[in-house]
Amino acid sequence: FVAALSWAGVTGITHIGDGMRGRFTLSRDS
């Protein structure tokens, strides 16, 4: 696992895996 982004309408939740946190970033273009 690297990273995940969940969306439920207007809000989102992100989770970055160990070893990537601080280096990897998720973003979404809806």
Full PDB file with SEQRES, HELIX, SHEET, SSBOND, CRYST1, ORIGX, SCALE, CONECT and MASTER records, all heavy atoms in Angstrom:
SEQRES   1 A   30  PHE VAL ALA ALA LEU SER TRP ALA GLY VAL THR GLY ILE          
SEQRES   2 A   30  THR HIS ILE GLY ASP GLY MET ARG GLY ARG PHE THR LEU          
SEQRES   3 A   30  SER ARG ASP SER                                              
SHEET    1 AA1 2 ALA A   3  TRP A   7  0                                        
SHEET    2 AA1 2 GLY A  12  ILE A  16 -1                                        
CRYST1    1.000    1.000    1.000  90.00  90.00  90.00 P 1           1          
ORIGX1      1.000000  0.000000  0.000000        0.00000                         
ORIGX2      0.000000  1.000000  0.000000        0.00000                         
ORIGX3      0.000000  0.000000  1.000000        0.00000                         
SCALE1      1.000000  0.000000  0.000000        0.00000                         
SCALE2      0.000000  1.000000  0.000000        0.00000                         
SCALE3      0.000000  0.000000  1.000000        0.00000                         
ATOM      1  N   PHE A   1       0.824  -1.193   0.000  1.00  0.00           N  
ATOM      2  CA  PHE A   1       0.000   0.000   0.000  1.00  0.00           C  
ATOM      3  C   PHE A   1       0.860   1.246   0.000  1.00  0.00           C  
ATOM      4  O   PHE A   1       1.873   1.323   0.692  1.00  0.00           O  
ATOM      5  CB  PHE A   1      -0.915  -0.002   1.229  1.00  0.00           C  
ATOM      6  CG  PHE A   1      -1.677   1.273   1.424  1.00  0.00           C  
ATOM      7  CD1 PHE A   1      -2.829   1.532   0.697  1.00  0.00           C  
ATOM      8  CD2 PHE A   1      -1.251   2.218   2.340  1.00  0.00           C  
ATOM      9  CE1 PHE A   1      -3.539   2.705   0.876  1.00  0.00           C  
ATOM     10  CE2 PHE A   1      -1.957   3.394   2.531  1.00  0.00           C  
ATOM     11  CZ  PHE A   1      -3.098   3.635   1.793  1.00  0.00           C  
ATOM     12  N   VAL A   2       0.435   2.237  -0.765  1.00  0.00           N  
ATOM     13  CA  VAL A   2       1.133   3.512  -0.825  1.00  0.00           C  
ATOM     14  C   VAL A   2       0.295   4.623  -0.209  1.00  0.00           C  
ATOM     15  O   VAL A   2       0.721   5.291   0.732  1.00  0.00           O  
ATOM     16  CB  VAL A   2       1.513   3.877  -2.268  1.00  0.00           C  
ATOM     17  CG1 VAL A   2       2.146   5.259  -2.321  1.00  0.00           C  
ATOM     18  CG2 VAL A   2       2.455   2.833  -2.849  1.00  0.00           C  
ATOM     19  N   ALA A   3      -0.886   4.829  -0.747  1.00  0.00           N  
ATOM     20  CA  ALA A   3      -1.727   5.925  -0.280  1.00  0.00           C  
ATOM     21  C   ALA A   3      -3.143   5.722  -0.766  1.00  0.00           C  
ATOM     22  O   ALA A   3      -3.373   5.054  -1.768  1.00  0.00           O  
ATOM     23  CB  ALA A   3      -1.186   7.274  -0.772  1.00  0.00           C  
ATOM     24  N   ALA A   4      -4.085   6.314  -0.063  1.00  0.00           N  
ATOM     25  CA  ALA A   4      -5.480   6.205  -0.447  1.00  0.00           C  
ATOM     26  C   ALA A   4      -6.223   7.484  -0.116  1.00  0.00           C  
ATOM     27  O   ALA A   4      -5.889   8.192   0.840  1.00  0.00           O  
ATOM     28  CB  ALA A   4      -6.164   5.018   0.247  1.00  0.00           C  
ATOM     29  N   LEU A   5      -7.233   7.754  -0.899  1.00  0.00           N  
ATOM     30  CA  LEU A   5      -8.092   8.912  -0.711  1.00  0.00           C  
ATOM     31  C   LEU A   5      -9.534   8.469  -0.840  1.00  0.00           C  
ATOM     32  O   LEU A   5      -9.912   7.855  -1.835  1.00  0.00           O  
ATOM     33  CB  LEU A   5      -7.767   9.993  -1.744  1.00  0.00           C  
ATOM     34  CG  LEU A   5      -8.686  11.214  -1.778  1.00  0.00           C  
ATOM     35  CD1 LEU A   5      -8.586  11.998  -0.485  1.00  0.00           C  
ATOM     36  CD2 LEU A   5      -8.347  12.100  -2.970  1.00  0.00           C  
ATOM     37  N   SER A   6     -10.334   8.792   0.177  1.00  0.00           N  
ATOM     38  CA  SER A   6     -11.744   8.447   0.183  1.00  0.00           C  
ATOM     39  C   SER A   6     -12.587   9.703   0.121  1.00  0.00           C  
ATOM     40  O   SER A   6     -12.261  10.706   0.769  1.00  0.00           O  
ATOM     41  CB  SER A   6     -12.112   7.647   1.434  1.00  0.00           C  
ATOM     42  OG  SER A   6     -11.424   6.420   1.474  1.00  0.00           O  
ATOM     43  N   TRP A   7     -13.673   9.612  -0.630  1.00  0.00           N  
ATOM     44  CA  TRP A   7     -14.572  10.749  -0.781  1.00  0.00           C  
ATOM     45  C   TRP A   7     -16.005  10.329  -0.536  1.00  0.00           C  
ATOM     46  O   TRP A   7     -16.430   9.252  -0.964  1.00  0.00           O  
ATOM     47  CB  TRP A   7     -14.448  11.357  -2.175  1.00  0.00           C  
ATOM     48  CG  TRP A   7     -13.179  12.103  -2.362  1.00  0.00           C  
ATOM     49  CD1 TRP A   7     -12.010  11.616  -2.838  1.00  0.00           C  
ATOM     50  CD2 TRP A   7     -12.947  13.481  -2.049  1.00  0.00           C  
ATOM     51  NE1 TRP A   7     -11.054  12.597  -2.843  1.00  0.00           N  
ATOM     52  CE2 TRP A   7     -11.605  13.756  -2.370  1.00  0.00           C  
ATOM     53  CE3 TRP A   7     -13.740  14.499  -1.532  1.00  0.00           C  
ATOM     54  CZ2 TRP A   7     -11.037  15.010  -2.188  1.00  0.00           C  
ATOM     55  CZ3 TRP A   7     -13.175  15.754  -1.351  1.00  0.00           C  
ATOM     56  CH2 TRP A   7     -11.849  15.995  -1.677  1.00  0.00           C  
ATOM     57  N   ALA A   8     -16.722  11.182   0.169  1.00  0.00           N  
ATOM     58  CA  ALA A   8     -18.143  10.965   0.426  1.00  0.00           C  
ATOM     59  C   ALA A   8     -18.875  12.273   0.216  1.00  0.00           C  
ATOM     60  O   ALA A   8     -19.356  12.886   1.160  1.00  0.00           O  
ATOM     61  CB  ALA A   8     -18.372  10.423   1.830  1.00  0.00           C  
ATOM     62  N   GLY A   9     -18.924  12.706  -1.010  1.00  0.00           N  
ATOM     63  CA  GLY A   9     -19.625  13.923  -1.359  1.00  0.00           C  
ATOM     64  C   GLY A   9     -18.747  15.146  -1.341  1.00  0.00           C  
ATOM     65  O   GLY A   9     -18.141  15.506  -2.356  1.00  0.00           O  
ATOM     66  N   VAL A  10     -18.656  15.773  -0.178  1.00  0.00           N  
ATOM     67  CA  VAL A  10     -17.962  17.055  -0.084  1.00  0.00           C  
ATOM     68  C   VAL A  10     -16.659  16.985   0.695  1.00  0.00           C  
ATOM     69  O   VAL A  10     -15.888  17.944   0.684  1.00  0.00           O  
ATOM     70  CB  VAL A  10     -18.869  18.125   0.547  1.00  0.00           C  
ATOM     71  CG1 VAL A  10     -20.090  18.366  -0.328  1.00  0.00           C  
ATOM     72  CG2 VAL A  10     -19.292  17.726   1.954  1.00  0.00           C  
ATOM     73  N   THR A  11     -16.411  15.891   1.360  1.00  0.00           N  
ATOM     74  CA  THR A  11     -15.203  15.771   2.159  1.00  0.00           C  
ATOM     75  C   THR A  11     -14.403  14.547   1.757  1.00  0.00           C  
ATOM     76  O   THR A  11     -14.928  13.608   1.164  1.00  0.00           O  
ATOM     77  CB  THR A  11     -15.516  15.693   3.661  1.00  0.00           C  
ATOM     78  OG1 THR A  11     -16.333  14.550   3.921  1.00  0.00           O  
ATOM     79  CG2 THR A  11     -16.239  16.952   4.115  1.00  0.00           C  
ATOM     80  N   GLY A  12     -13.137  14.568   2.104  1.00  0.00           N  
ATOM     81  CA  GLY A  12     -12.272  13.463   1.791  1.00  0.00           C  
ATOM     82  C   GLY A  12     -11.370  13.109   2.952  1.00  0.00           C  
ATOM     83  O   GLY A  12     -11.104  13.921   3.830  1.00  0.00           O  
ATOM     84  N   ILE A  13     -10.921  11.873   2.950  1.00  0.00           N  
ATOM     85  CA  ILE A  13     -10.005  11.377   3.964  1.00  0.00           C  
ATOM     86  C   ILE A  13      -8.821  10.747   3.256  1.00  0.00           C  
ATOM     87  O   ILE A  13      -8.992   9.956   2.331  1.00  0.00           O  
ATOM     88  CB  ILE A  13     -10.672  10.338   4.884  1.00  0.00           C  
ATOM     89  CG1 ILE A  13     -11.921  10.918   5.546  1.00  0.00           C  
ATOM     90  CG2 ILE A  13      -9.686   9.855   5.944  1.00  0.00           C  
ATOM     91  CD1 ILE A  13     -12.717   9.897   6.323  1.00  0.00           C  
ATOM     92  N   THR A  14      -7.633  11.088   3.697  1.00  0.00           N  
ATOM     93  CA  THR A  14      -6.433  10.540   3.095  1.00  0.00           C  
ATOM     94  C   THR A  14      -5.660   9.710   4.098  1.00  0.00           C  
ATOM     95  O   THR A  14      -5.725   9.939   5.308  1.00  0.00           O  
ATOM     96  CB  THR A  14      -5.518  11.643   2.550  1.00  0.00           C  
ATOM     97  OG1 THR A  14      -5.087  12.494   3.626  1.00  0.00           O  
ATOM     98  CG2 THR A  14      -6.239  12.477   1.508  1.00  0.00           C  
ATOM     99  N   HIS A  15      -4.934   8.751   3.579  1.00  0.00           N  
ATOM    100  CA  HIS A  15      -4.040   7.947   4.391  1.00  0.00           C  
ATOM    101  C   HIS A  15      -2.807   7.638   3.563  1.00  0.00           C  
ATOM    102  O   HIS A  15      -2.918   7.144   2.439  1.00  0.00           O  
ATOM    103  CB  HIS A  15      -4.714   6.659   4.859  1.00  0.00           C  
ATOM    104  CG  HIS A  15      -3.815   5.784   5.680  1.00  0.00           C  
ATOM    105  ND1 HIS A  15      -3.367   6.158   6.919  1.00  0.00           N  
ATOM    106  CD2 HIS A  15      -3.279   4.571   5.418  1.00  0.00           C  
ATOM    107  CE1 HIS A  15      -2.584   5.204   7.401  1.00  0.00           C  
ATOM    108  NE2 HIS A  15      -2.521   4.229   6.511  1.00  0.00           N  
ATOM    109  N   ILE A  16      -1.655   7.920   4.126  1.00  0.00           N  
ATOM    110  CA  ILE A  16      -0.385   7.667   3.467  1.00  0.00           C  
ATOM    111  C   ILE A  16       0.333   6.556   4.210  1.00  0.00           C  
ATOM    112  O   ILE A  16       0.373   6.539   5.442  1.00  0.00           O  
ATOM    113  CB  ILE A  16       0.499   8.929   3.431  1.00  0.00           C  
ATOM    114  CG1 ILE A  16      -0.289  10.130   2.886  1.00  0.00           C  
ATOM    115  CG2 ILE A  16       1.745   8.678   2.599  1.00  0.00           C  
ATOM    116  CD1 ILE A  16      -0.748   9.967   1.465  1.00  0.00           C  
ATOM    117  N   GLY A  17       0.893   5.638   3.462  1.00  0.00           N  
ATOM    118  CA  GLY A  17       1.542   4.499   4.070  1.00  0.00           C  
ATOM    119  C   GLY A  17       2.841   4.849   4.765  1.00  0.00           C  
ATOM    120  O   GLY A  17       3.464   5.887   4.501  1.00  0.00           O  
ATOM    121  N   ASP A  18       3.241   3.975   5.675  1.00  0.00           N  
ATOM    122  CA  ASP A  18       4.509   4.143   6.360  1.00  0.00           C  
ATOM    123  C   ASP A  18       5.656   4.147   5.353  1.00  0.00           C  
ATOM    124  O   ASP A  18       5.666   3.373   4.415  1.00  0.00           O  
ATOM    125  CB  ASP A  18       4.724   3.015   7.372  1.00  0.00           C  
ATOM    126  CG  ASP A  18       3.712   3.034   8.500  1.00  0.00           C  
ATOM    127  OD1 ASP A  18       3.077   4.086   8.712  1.00  0.00           O  
ATOM    128  OD2 ASP A  18       3.555   1.998   9.168  1.00  0.00           O  
ATOM    129  N   GLY A  19       6.600   5.017   5.584  1.00  0.00           N  
ATOM    130  CA  GLY A  19       7.724   5.141   4.674  1.00  0.00           C  
ATOM    131  C   GLY A  19       7.494   6.143   3.564  1.00  0.00           C  
ATOM    132  O   GLY A  19       8.448   6.567   2.905  1.00  0.00           O  
ATOM    133  N   MET A  20       6.247   6.503   3.331  1.00  0.00           N  
ATOM    134  CA  MET A  20       5.910   7.495   2.337  1.00  0.00           C  
ATOM    135  C   MET A  20       5.417   8.788   2.958  1.00  0.00           C  
ATOM    136  O   MET A  20       5.465   9.839   2.314  1.00  0.00           O  
ATOM    137  CB  MET A  20       4.838   6.970   1.382  1.00  0.00           C  
ATOM    138  CG  MET A  20       5.231   5.734   0.605  1.00  0.00           C  
ATOM    139  SD  MET A  20       4.760   4.246   1.526  1.00  0.00           S  
ATOM    140  CE  MET A  20       5.051   2.986   0.281  1.00  0.00           C  
ATOM    141  N   ARG A  21       4.931   8.677   4.177  1.00  0.00           N  
ATOM    142  CA  ARG A  21       4.401   9.849   4.865  1.00  0.00           C  
ATOM    143  C   ARG A  21       5.469  10.928   4.981  1.00  0.00           C  
ATOM    144  O   ARG A  21       6.584  10.664   5.402  1.00  0.00           O  
ATOM    145  CB  ARG A  21       3.882   9.440   6.243  1.00  0.00           C  
ATOM    146  CG  ARG A  21       2.891  10.413   6.862  1.00  0.00           C  
ATOM    147  CD  ARG A  21       2.216   9.781   8.081  1.00  0.00           C  
ATOM    148  NE  ARG A  21       1.467   8.582   7.729  1.00  0.00           N  
ATOM    149  CZ  ARG A  21       1.651   7.397   8.303  1.00  0.00           C  
ATOM    150  NH1 ARG A  21       2.543   7.255   9.264  1.00  0.00           N  
ATOM    151  NH2 ARG A  21       0.933   6.361   7.911  1.00  0.00           N  
ATOM    152  N   GLY A  22       5.100  12.129   4.579  1.00  0.00           N  
ATOM    153  CA  GLY A  22       6.052  13.227   4.572  1.00  0.00           C  
ATOM    154  C   GLY A  22       6.742  13.404   3.250  1.00  0.00           C  
ATOM    155  O   GLY A  22       7.334  14.464   3.000  1.00  0.00           O  
ATOM    156  N   ARG A  23       6.681  12.412   2.390  1.00  0.00           N  
ATOM    157  CA  ARG A  23       7.286  12.476   1.065  1.00  0.00           C  
ATOM    158  C   ARG A  23       6.254  12.425  -0.049  1.00  0.00           C  
ATOM    159  O   ARG A  23       6.437  13.056  -1.088  1.00  0.00           O  
ATOM    160  CB  ARG A  23       8.285  11.343   0.859  1.00  0.00           C  
ATOM    161  CG  ARG A  23       9.452  11.356   1.826  1.00  0.00           C  
ATOM    162  CD  ARG A  23      10.518  10.355   1.394  1.00  0.00           C  
ATOM    163  NE  ARG A  23      10.017   8.983   1.345  1.00  0.00           N  
ATOM    164  CZ  ARG A  23      10.030   8.215   0.263  1.00  0.00           C  
ATOM    165  NH1 ARG A  23      10.524   8.690  -0.879  1.00  0.00           N  
ATOM    166  NH2 ARG A  23       9.570   6.976   0.316  1.00  0.00           N  
ATOM    167  N   PHE A  24       5.204  11.661   0.177  1.00  0.00           N  
ATOM    168  CA  PHE A  24       4.175  11.486  -0.844  1.00  0.00           C  
ATOM    169  C   PHE A  24       2.912  12.229  -0.441  1.00  0.00           C  
ATOM    170  O   PHE A  24       2.539  12.266   0.730  1.00  0.00           O  
ATOM    171  CB  PHE A  24       3.833  10.011  -1.031  1.00  0.00           C  
ATOM    172  CG  PHE A  24       4.934   9.187  -1.629  1.00  0.00           C  
ATOM    173  CD1 PHE A  24       6.196   9.718  -1.862  1.00  0.00           C  
ATOM    174  CD2 PHE A  24       4.700   7.865  -1.960  1.00  0.00           C  
ATOM    175  CE1 PHE A  24       7.207   8.952  -2.411  1.00  0.00           C  
ATOM    176  CE2 PHE A  24       5.701   7.088  -2.512  1.00  0.00           C  
ATOM    177  CZ  PHE A  24       6.951   7.625  -2.738  1.00  0.00           C  
ATOM    178  N   THR A  25       2.248  12.786  -1.419  1.00  0.00           N  
ATOM    179  CA  THR A  25       1.027  13.531  -1.177  1.00  0.00           C  
ATOM    180  C   THR A  25      -0.022  13.163  -2.214  1.00  0.00           C  
ATOM    181  O   THR A  25       0.289  13.025  -3.399  1.00  0.00           O  
ATOM    182  CB  THR A  25       1.280  15.050  -1.225  1.00  0.00           C  
ATOM    183  OG1 THR A  25       2.269  15.404  -0.261  1.00  0.00           O  
ATOM    184  CG2 THR A  25      -0.001  15.819  -0.914  1.00  0.00           C  
ATOM    185  N   LEU A  26      -1.247  13.005  -1.767  1.00  0.00           N  
ATOM    186  CA  LEU A  26      -2.360  12.722  -2.659  1.00  0.00           C  
ATOM    187  C   LEU A  26      -3.171  13.985  -2.916  1.00  0.00           C  
ATOM    188  O   LEU A  26      -3.335  14.822  -2.029  1.00  0.00           O  
ATOM    189  CB  LEU A  26      -3.287  11.662  -2.068  1.00  0.00           C  
ATOM    190  CG  LEU A  26      -2.877  10.201  -2.166  1.00  0.00           C  
ATOM    191  CD1 LEU A  26      -3.940   9.338  -1.500  1.00  0.00           C  
ATOM    192  CD2 LEU A  26      -2.672   9.785  -3.606  1.00  0.00           C  
ATOM    193  N   SER A  27      -3.678  14.084  -4.105  1.00  0.00           N  
ATOM    194  CA  SER A  27      -4.609  15.143  -4.425  1.00  0.00           C  
ATOM    195  C   SER A  27      -5.597  14.626  -5.455  1.00  0.00           C  
ATOM    196  O   SER A  27      -5.344  13.630  -6.141  1.00  0.00           O  
ATOM    197  CB  SER A  27      -3.895  16.396  -4.932  1.00  0.00           C  
ATOM    198  OG  SER A  27      -3.181  16.124  -6.124  1.00  0.00           O  
ATOM    199  N   ARG A  28      -6.714  15.310  -5.544  1.00  0.00           N  
ATOM    200  CA  ARG A  28      -7.786  14.848  -6.414  1.00  0.00           C  
ATOM    201  C   ARG A  28      -8.335  16.003  -7.229  1.00  0.00           C  
ATOM    202  O   ARG A  28      -8.546  17.100  -6.707  1.00  0.00           O  
ATOM    203  CB  ARG A  28      -8.905  14.212  -5.580  1.00  0.00           C  
ATOM    204  CG  ARG A  28     -10.190  13.893  -6.330  1.00  0.00           C  
ATOM    205  CD  ARG A  28     -11.207  13.282  -5.386  1.00  0.00           C  
ATOM    206  NE  ARG A  28     -12.500  13.078  -6.018  1.00  0.00           N  
ATOM    207  CZ  ARG A  28     -13.487  13.946  -5.991  1.00  0.00           C  
ATOM    208  NH1 ARG A  28     -13.330  15.113  -5.368  1.00  0.00           N  
ATOM    209  NH2 ARG A  28     -14.637  13.675  -6.586  1.00  0.00           N  
ATOM    210  N   ASP A  29      -8.549  15.737  -8.476  1.00  0.00           N  
ATOM    211  CA  ASP A  29      -9.222  16.668  -9.356  1.00  0.00           C  
ATOM    212  C   ASP A  29     -10.564  16.043  -9.693  1.00  0.00           C  
ATOM    213  O   ASP A  29     -10.648  15.168 -10.556  1.00  0.00           O  
ATOM    214  CB  ASP A  29      -8.408  16.924 -10.617  1.00  0.00           C  
ATOM    215  CG  ASP A  29      -8.985  18.026 -11.472  1.00  0.00           C  
ATOM    216  OD1 ASP A  29     -10.217  18.175 -11.519  1.00  0.00           O  
ATOM    217  OD2 ASP A  29      -8.197  18.748 -12.117  1.00  0.00           O  
ATOM    218  N   SER A  30     -11.591  16.493  -9.000  1.00  0.00           N  
ATOM    219  CA  SER A  30     -12.907  15.892  -9.179  1.00  0.00           C  
ATOM    220  C   SER A  30     -13.481  16.167 -10.555  1.00  0.00           C  
ATOM    221  O   SER A  30     -14.212  15.344 -11.113  1.00  0.00           O  
ATOM    222  CB  SER A  30     -13.872  16.391  -8.095  1.00  0.00           C  
ATOM    223  OG  SER A  30     -13.993  17.801  -8.130  1.00  0.00           O  
TER     224      SER A  30                                                      
MASTER        0    0    0    0    2    0    0    6  223    1    0    3          
END                                                                             
